[in-house]
């Protein structure tokens, strides 16, 4: 994280996808095309998870994308310019939910 930037923000995108493989291809395509632009806007990390599947059941298609940022304005500008609805068109089988989170001020025990 650059010197003097102590705030942390997270963007979460969660929803059911058509398939894990389609999600991997589409997300990698969208994110690799603009990784330098995202980094310049304050993007620290991008991770994708799937809900654990119970033994004997089909693989879960519930996907969670977690993006870490140090610049709120950069994050909001990046997502506005990305037009994620169009970029990820056809990925989700239902409307995904989104959350924008800010790390709280004060002394917190963390590791």
N, C-alpha and C. Protein backbone atom coordinates (compact mmCIF):
# COMPACT_ATOMS: atom_id res chain seq x y z
N UNK A 1 0.86 -1.17 0.00
CA UNK A 1 0.00 0.00 0.00
C UNK A 1 0.91 1.23 0.00
N UNK A 2 0.60 2.23 -0.81
CA UNK A 2 1.43 3.44 -0.86
C UNK A 2 1.47 4.17 0.49
N UNK A 3 2.59 4.81 0.74
CA UNK A 3 2.77 5.58 1.97
C UNK A 3 1.67 6.63 2.11
N UNK A 4 1.12 6.74 3.32
CA UNK A 4 0.11 7.74 3.59
C UNK A 4 -1.31 7.31 3.27
N UNK A 5 -1.49 6.13 2.72
CA UNK A 5 -2.83 5.62 2.41
C UNK A 5 -3.16 4.52 3.39
N UNK A 6 -3.91 4.86 4.42
CA UNK A 6 -4.19 3.89 5.47
C UNK A 6 -5.62 3.36 5.44
N UNK A 7 -6.51 4.01 4.68
CA UNK A 7 -7.89 3.53 4.60
C UNK A 7 -7.94 2.26 3.76
N UNK A 8 -8.89 1.40 4.09
CA UNK A 8 -9.12 0.19 3.31
C UNK A 8 -10.60 0.08 3.01
N UNK A 9 -10.89 -0.28 1.78
CA UNK A 9 -12.25 -0.43 1.31
C UNK A 9 -12.35 -1.76 0.58
N UNK A 10 -13.55 -2.35 0.63
CA UNK A 10 -13.77 -3.61 -0.07
C UNK A 10 -15.06 -3.54 -0.87
N UNK A 11 -15.02 -4.13 -2.04
CA UNK A 11 -16.20 -4.27 -2.89
C UNK A 11 -16.49 -5.76 -3.01
N UNK A 12 -17.71 -6.15 -2.67
CA UNK A 12 -18.12 -7.55 -2.76
C UNK A 12 -19.22 -7.69 -3.80
N UNK A 13 -19.10 -8.71 -4.63
CA UNK A 13 -20.11 -9.03 -5.63
C UNK A 13 -20.43 -10.50 -5.45
N UNK A 14 -21.71 -10.82 -5.20
CA UNK A 14 -22.09 -12.19 -4.88
C UNK A 14 -23.35 -12.58 -5.63
N UNK A 15 -23.32 -13.78 -6.22
CA UNK A 15 -24.50 -14.28 -6.89
C UNK A 15 -24.25 -15.62 -7.55
N UNK A 16 -25.32 -16.27 -7.99
CA UNK A 16 -25.19 -17.56 -8.67
C UNK A 16 -24.78 -17.35 -10.13
N UNK A 17 -23.80 -18.15 -10.58
CA UNK A 17 -23.30 -18.03 -11.95
C UNK A 17 -23.76 -19.22 -12.79
N UNK A 18 -23.67 -19.06 -14.09
CA UNK A 18 -24.07 -20.12 -15.02
C UNK A 18 -23.18 -21.35 -14.83
N UNK A 19 -21.87 -21.14 -14.79
CA UNK A 19 -20.92 -22.23 -14.53
C UNK A 19 -19.63 -21.65 -13.99
N UNK A 20 -18.89 -22.46 -13.27
CA UNK A 20 -17.61 -22.01 -12.73
C UNK A 20 -16.63 -21.68 -13.86
N UNK A 21 -16.61 -22.51 -14.87
CA UNK A 21 -15.69 -22.29 -15.99
C UNK A 21 -16.02 -21.00 -16.74
N UNK A 22 -17.29 -20.75 -17.01
CA UNK A 22 -17.68 -19.51 -17.68
C UNK A 22 -17.31 -18.30 -16.81
N UNK A 23 -17.53 -18.41 -15.51
CA UNK A 23 -17.19 -17.33 -14.59
C UNK A 23 -15.69 -17.06 -14.64
N UNK A 24 -14.88 -18.11 -14.60
CA UNK A 24 -13.43 -17.95 -14.65
C UNK A 24 -13.00 -17.25 -15.94
N UNK A 25 -13.50 -17.72 -17.07
CA UNK A 25 -13.12 -17.12 -18.37
C UNK A 25 -13.52 -15.66 -18.45
N UNK A 26 -14.78 -15.36 -18.12
CA UNK A 26 -15.29 -13.99 -18.27
C UNK A 26 -14.63 -13.02 -17.29
N UNK A 27 -14.52 -13.41 -16.02
CA UNK A 27 -13.89 -12.53 -15.03
C UNK A 27 -12.42 -12.30 -15.39
N UNK A 28 -11.70 -13.36 -15.77
CA UNK A 28 -10.30 -13.18 -16.15
C UNK A 28 -10.16 -12.27 -17.36
N UNK A 29 -11.05 -12.40 -18.31
CA UNK A 29 -11.02 -11.55 -19.51
C UNK A 29 -11.23 -10.08 -19.14
N UNK A 30 -12.25 -9.82 -18.34
CA UNK A 30 -12.58 -8.44 -17.95
C UNK A 30 -11.47 -7.85 -17.10
N UNK A 31 -11.02 -8.58 -16.09
CA UNK A 31 -10.05 -8.04 -15.14
C UNK A 31 -8.65 -7.91 -15.73
N UNK A 32 -8.22 -8.84 -16.56
CA UNK A 32 -6.86 -8.75 -17.12
C UNK A 32 -6.75 -7.61 -18.13
N UNK A 33 -7.85 -7.24 -18.76
CA UNK A 33 -7.82 -6.17 -19.74
C UNK A 33 -7.56 -4.80 -19.12
N UNK A 34 -7.88 -4.64 -17.83
CA UNK A 34 -7.74 -3.31 -17.22
C UNK A 34 -7.01 -3.32 -15.88
N UNK A 35 -6.16 -4.32 -15.66
CA UNK A 35 -5.49 -4.43 -14.36
C UNK A 35 -4.64 -3.20 -14.05
N UNK A 36 -3.99 -2.62 -15.05
CA UNK A 36 -3.14 -1.44 -14.81
C UNK A 36 -3.99 -0.23 -14.43
N UNK A 37 -5.13 -0.09 -15.07
CA UNK A 37 -6.04 1.01 -14.75
C UNK A 37 -6.57 0.85 -13.32
N UNK A 38 -6.91 -0.37 -12.94
CA UNK A 38 -7.41 -0.64 -11.59
C UNK A 38 -6.33 -0.35 -10.55
N UNK A 39 -5.12 -0.80 -10.78
CA UNK A 39 -4.02 -0.55 -9.84
C UNK A 39 -3.78 0.95 -9.67
N UNK A 40 -3.81 1.69 -10.76
CA UNK A 40 -3.60 3.14 -10.69
C UNK A 40 -4.71 3.83 -9.90
N UNK A 41 -5.91 3.21 -9.86
CA UNK A 41 -7.05 3.77 -9.13
C UNK A 41 -7.04 3.38 -7.65
N UNK A 42 -6.09 2.53 -7.23
CA UNK A 42 -6.00 2.15 -5.83
C UNK A 42 -6.40 0.73 -5.51
N UNK A 43 -6.47 -0.12 -6.52
CA UNK A 43 -6.87 -1.51 -6.34
C UNK A 43 -5.70 -2.31 -5.75
N UNK A 44 -5.93 -2.98 -4.62
CA UNK A 44 -4.90 -3.76 -3.96
C UNK A 44 -4.99 -5.26 -4.24
N UNK A 45 -6.22 -5.77 -4.31
CA UNK A 45 -6.38 -7.22 -4.45
C UNK A 45 -7.71 -7.57 -5.11
N UNK A 46 -7.73 -8.74 -5.75
CA UNK A 46 -8.95 -9.26 -6.38
C UNK A 46 -8.94 -10.77 -6.16
N UNK A 47 -9.99 -11.28 -5.51
CA UNK A 47 -10.09 -12.72 -5.25
C UNK A 47 -11.51 -13.19 -5.52
N UNK A 48 -11.62 -14.43 -5.98
CA UNK A 48 -12.92 -15.04 -6.28
C UNK A 48 -13.04 -16.34 -5.49
N UNK A 49 -14.22 -16.54 -4.90
CA UNK A 49 -14.50 -17.74 -4.11
C UNK A 49 -15.82 -18.35 -4.53
N UNK A 50 -15.93 -19.66 -4.30
CA UNK A 50 -17.21 -20.36 -4.45
C UNK A 50 -17.57 -21.00 -3.13
N UNK A 51 -18.87 -21.01 -2.85
CA UNK A 51 -19.38 -21.65 -1.63
C UNK A 51 -18.92 -23.10 -1.61
N UNK A 52 -18.50 -23.56 -0.43
CA UNK A 52 -18.11 -24.97 -0.30
C UNK A 52 -19.30 -25.86 -0.61
N UNK A 53 -19.02 -26.97 -1.25
CA UNK A 53 -20.06 -27.91 -1.64
C UNK A 53 -20.12 -29.06 -0.64
N UNK A 54 -21.32 -29.42 -0.25
CA UNK A 54 -21.51 -30.55 0.66
C UNK A 54 -21.17 -31.85 -0.07
N UNK A 55 -20.55 -32.81 0.62
CA UNK A 55 -20.23 -34.10 -0.01
C UNK A 55 -21.48 -34.74 -0.63
N UNK A 56 -21.30 -35.27 -1.83
CA UNK A 56 -22.39 -35.95 -2.51
C UNK A 56 -23.35 -35.04 -3.25
N UNK A 57 -23.06 -33.73 -3.31
CA UNK A 57 -23.92 -32.80 -4.03
C UNK A 57 -23.13 -32.16 -5.19
N UNK A 58 -23.85 -31.54 -6.10
CA UNK A 58 -23.21 -30.86 -7.22
C UNK A 58 -22.41 -29.66 -6.72
N UNK A 59 -21.39 -29.29 -7.48
CA UNK A 59 -20.58 -28.12 -7.12
C UNK A 59 -21.44 -26.88 -7.03
N UNK A 60 -21.21 -26.09 -5.99
CA UNK A 60 -21.95 -24.86 -5.80
C UNK A 60 -21.62 -23.86 -6.89
N UNK A 61 -22.62 -23.12 -7.32
CA UNK A 61 -22.42 -22.07 -8.33
C UNK A 61 -22.56 -20.69 -7.70
N UNK A 62 -22.57 -20.62 -6.35
CA UNK A 62 -22.65 -19.35 -5.63
C UNK A 62 -21.25 -18.75 -5.58
N UNK A 63 -21.07 -17.62 -6.27
CA UNK A 63 -19.77 -16.99 -6.44
C UNK A 63 -19.66 -15.70 -5.63
N UNK A 64 -18.49 -15.47 -5.05
CA UNK A 64 -18.21 -14.24 -4.31
C UNK A 64 -16.90 -13.66 -4.81
N UNK A 65 -16.95 -12.42 -5.29
CA UNK A 65 -15.76 -11.70 -5.72
C UNK A 65 -15.46 -10.63 -4.67
N UNK A 66 -14.18 -10.57 -4.23
CA UNK A 66 -13.77 -9.64 -3.18
C UNK A 66 -12.62 -8.79 -3.72
N UNK A 67 -12.84 -7.48 -3.78
CA UNK A 67 -11.81 -6.55 -4.24
C UNK A 67 -11.41 -5.63 -3.10
N UNK A 68 -10.11 -5.52 -2.84
CA UNK A 68 -9.59 -4.62 -1.82
C UNK A 68 -9.01 -3.36 -2.45
N UNK A 69 -9.26 -2.22 -1.83
CA UNK A 69 -8.84 -0.92 -2.35
C UNK A 69 -8.28 -0.05 -1.23
N UNK A 70 -7.45 0.95 -1.58
CA UNK A 70 -7.02 1.94 -0.60
C UNK A 70 -7.55 3.32 -0.91
N UNK A 71 -8.26 3.48 -2.04
CA UNK A 71 -8.75 4.80 -2.46
C UNK A 71 -10.24 4.69 -2.81
N UNK A 72 -11.10 5.27 -1.99
CA UNK A 72 -12.54 5.18 -2.22
C UNK A 72 -12.95 5.84 -3.53
N UNK A 73 -12.48 7.05 -3.77
CA UNK A 73 -12.84 7.75 -5.01
C UNK A 73 -12.38 6.97 -6.23
N UNK A 74 -11.17 6.43 -6.18
CA UNK A 74 -10.66 5.63 -7.28
C UNK A 74 -11.50 4.39 -7.50
N UNK A 75 -11.89 3.73 -6.42
CA UNK A 75 -12.72 2.53 -6.51
C UNK A 75 -14.05 2.85 -7.18
N UNK A 76 -14.73 3.89 -6.69
CA UNK A 76 -16.04 4.23 -7.25
C UNK A 76 -15.94 4.64 -8.71
N UNK A 77 -14.92 5.41 -9.04
CA UNK A 77 -14.70 5.84 -10.43
C UNK A 77 -14.43 4.62 -11.33
N UNK A 78 -13.59 3.71 -10.86
CA UNK A 78 -13.25 2.51 -11.62
C UNK A 78 -14.50 1.69 -11.95
N UNK A 79 -15.33 1.42 -10.95
CA UNK A 79 -16.52 0.61 -11.19
C UNK A 79 -17.53 1.34 -12.08
N UNK A 80 -17.62 2.64 -11.94
CA UNK A 80 -18.53 3.41 -12.80
C UNK A 80 -18.08 3.33 -14.25
N UNK A 81 -16.79 3.47 -14.49
CA UNK A 81 -16.26 3.41 -15.85
C UNK A 81 -16.26 1.99 -16.40
N UNK A 82 -16.13 1.00 -15.54
CA UNK A 82 -16.11 -0.40 -15.97
C UNK A 82 -17.45 -0.80 -16.56
N UNK A 83 -18.55 -0.26 -16.02
CA UNK A 83 -19.89 -0.67 -16.42
C UNK A 83 -20.01 -2.18 -16.28
N UNK A 84 -19.84 -2.66 -15.05
CA UNK A 84 -19.79 -4.09 -14.75
C UNK A 84 -21.03 -4.83 -15.25
N UNK A 85 -22.18 -4.17 -15.27
CA UNK A 85 -23.38 -4.84 -15.76
C UNK A 85 -23.21 -5.31 -17.19
N UNK A 86 -22.61 -4.51 -18.01
CA UNK A 86 -22.36 -4.88 -19.40
C UNK A 86 -21.18 -5.82 -19.51
N UNK A 87 -20.10 -5.52 -18.77
CA UNK A 87 -18.89 -6.32 -18.84
C UNK A 87 -19.13 -7.77 -18.42
N UNK A 88 -20.00 -7.98 -17.44
CA UNK A 88 -20.27 -9.32 -16.92
C UNK A 88 -21.62 -9.86 -17.39
N UNK A 89 -22.12 -9.33 -18.48
CA UNK A 89 -23.42 -9.73 -19.03
C UNK A 89 -23.46 -11.24 -19.28
N UNK A 90 -24.50 -11.88 -18.78
CA UNK A 90 -24.69 -13.31 -18.98
C UNK A 90 -24.01 -14.19 -17.97
N UNK A 91 -23.26 -13.62 -17.03
CA UNK A 91 -22.54 -14.42 -16.06
C UNK A 91 -23.45 -14.95 -14.96
N UNK A 92 -24.31 -14.10 -14.43
CA UNK A 92 -25.15 -14.47 -13.29
C UNK A 92 -26.52 -14.97 -13.74
N UNK A 93 -27.04 -15.95 -13.00
CA UNK A 93 -28.37 -16.49 -13.31
C UNK A 93 -29.47 -15.74 -12.58
N UNK A 94 -29.08 -14.87 -11.64
CA UNK A 94 -30.00 -13.99 -10.91
C UNK A 94 -29.22 -12.72 -10.59
N UNK A 95 -29.93 -11.66 -10.27
CA UNK A 95 -29.25 -10.39 -9.97
C UNK A 95 -28.29 -10.58 -8.80
N UNK A 96 -27.01 -10.25 -8.98
CA UNK A 96 -26.06 -10.38 -7.88
C UNK A 96 -26.24 -9.26 -6.87
N UNK A 97 -25.79 -9.50 -5.66
CA UNK A 97 -25.80 -8.44 -4.65
C UNK A 97 -24.41 -7.83 -4.57
N UNK A 98 -24.37 -6.55 -4.26
CA UNK A 98 -23.10 -5.85 -4.13
C UNK A 98 -23.03 -5.16 -2.78
N UNK A 99 -21.84 -5.09 -2.24
CA UNK A 99 -21.58 -4.39 -0.98
C UNK A 99 -20.32 -3.58 -1.16
N UNK A 100 -20.32 -2.38 -0.60
CA UNK A 100 -19.11 -1.57 -0.49
C UNK A 100 -18.87 -1.38 0.99
N UNK A 101 -17.68 -1.75 1.45
CA UNK A 101 -17.36 -1.74 2.88
C UNK A 101 -16.15 -0.85 3.14
N UNK A 102 -16.15 -0.21 4.33
CA UNK A 102 -15.01 0.59 4.76
C UNK A 102 -14.54 0.05 6.10
N UNK A 103 -13.25 -0.11 6.22
CA UNK A 103 -12.67 -0.55 7.48
C UNK A 103 -12.93 0.54 8.52
N UNK A 104 -13.42 0.18 9.71
CA UNK A 104 -13.76 1.19 10.71
C UNK A 104 -12.53 1.82 11.35
N UNK A 105 -12.70 3.04 11.81
CA UNK A 105 -11.63 3.74 12.52
C UNK A 105 -11.44 3.13 13.90
N UNK A 106 -10.33 3.41 14.50
CA UNK A 106 -10.09 2.96 15.87
C UNK A 106 -9.15 1.77 15.93
N UNK A 107 -8.84 1.39 17.13
CA UNK A 107 -7.93 0.28 17.38
C UNK A 107 -8.70 -1.04 17.35
N UNK A 108 -8.40 -1.88 16.41
CA UNK A 108 -9.04 -3.19 16.29
C UNK A 108 -7.94 -4.26 16.34
N UNK A 109 -8.17 -5.31 17.07
CA UNK A 109 -7.25 -6.45 17.06
C UNK A 109 -7.48 -7.20 15.76
N UNK A 110 -6.46 -7.25 14.93
CA UNK A 110 -6.57 -7.92 13.61
C UNK A 110 -5.30 -8.68 13.30
N UNK A 111 -5.43 -9.67 12.47
CA UNK A 111 -4.26 -10.39 11.98
C UNK A 111 -4.55 -10.97 10.63
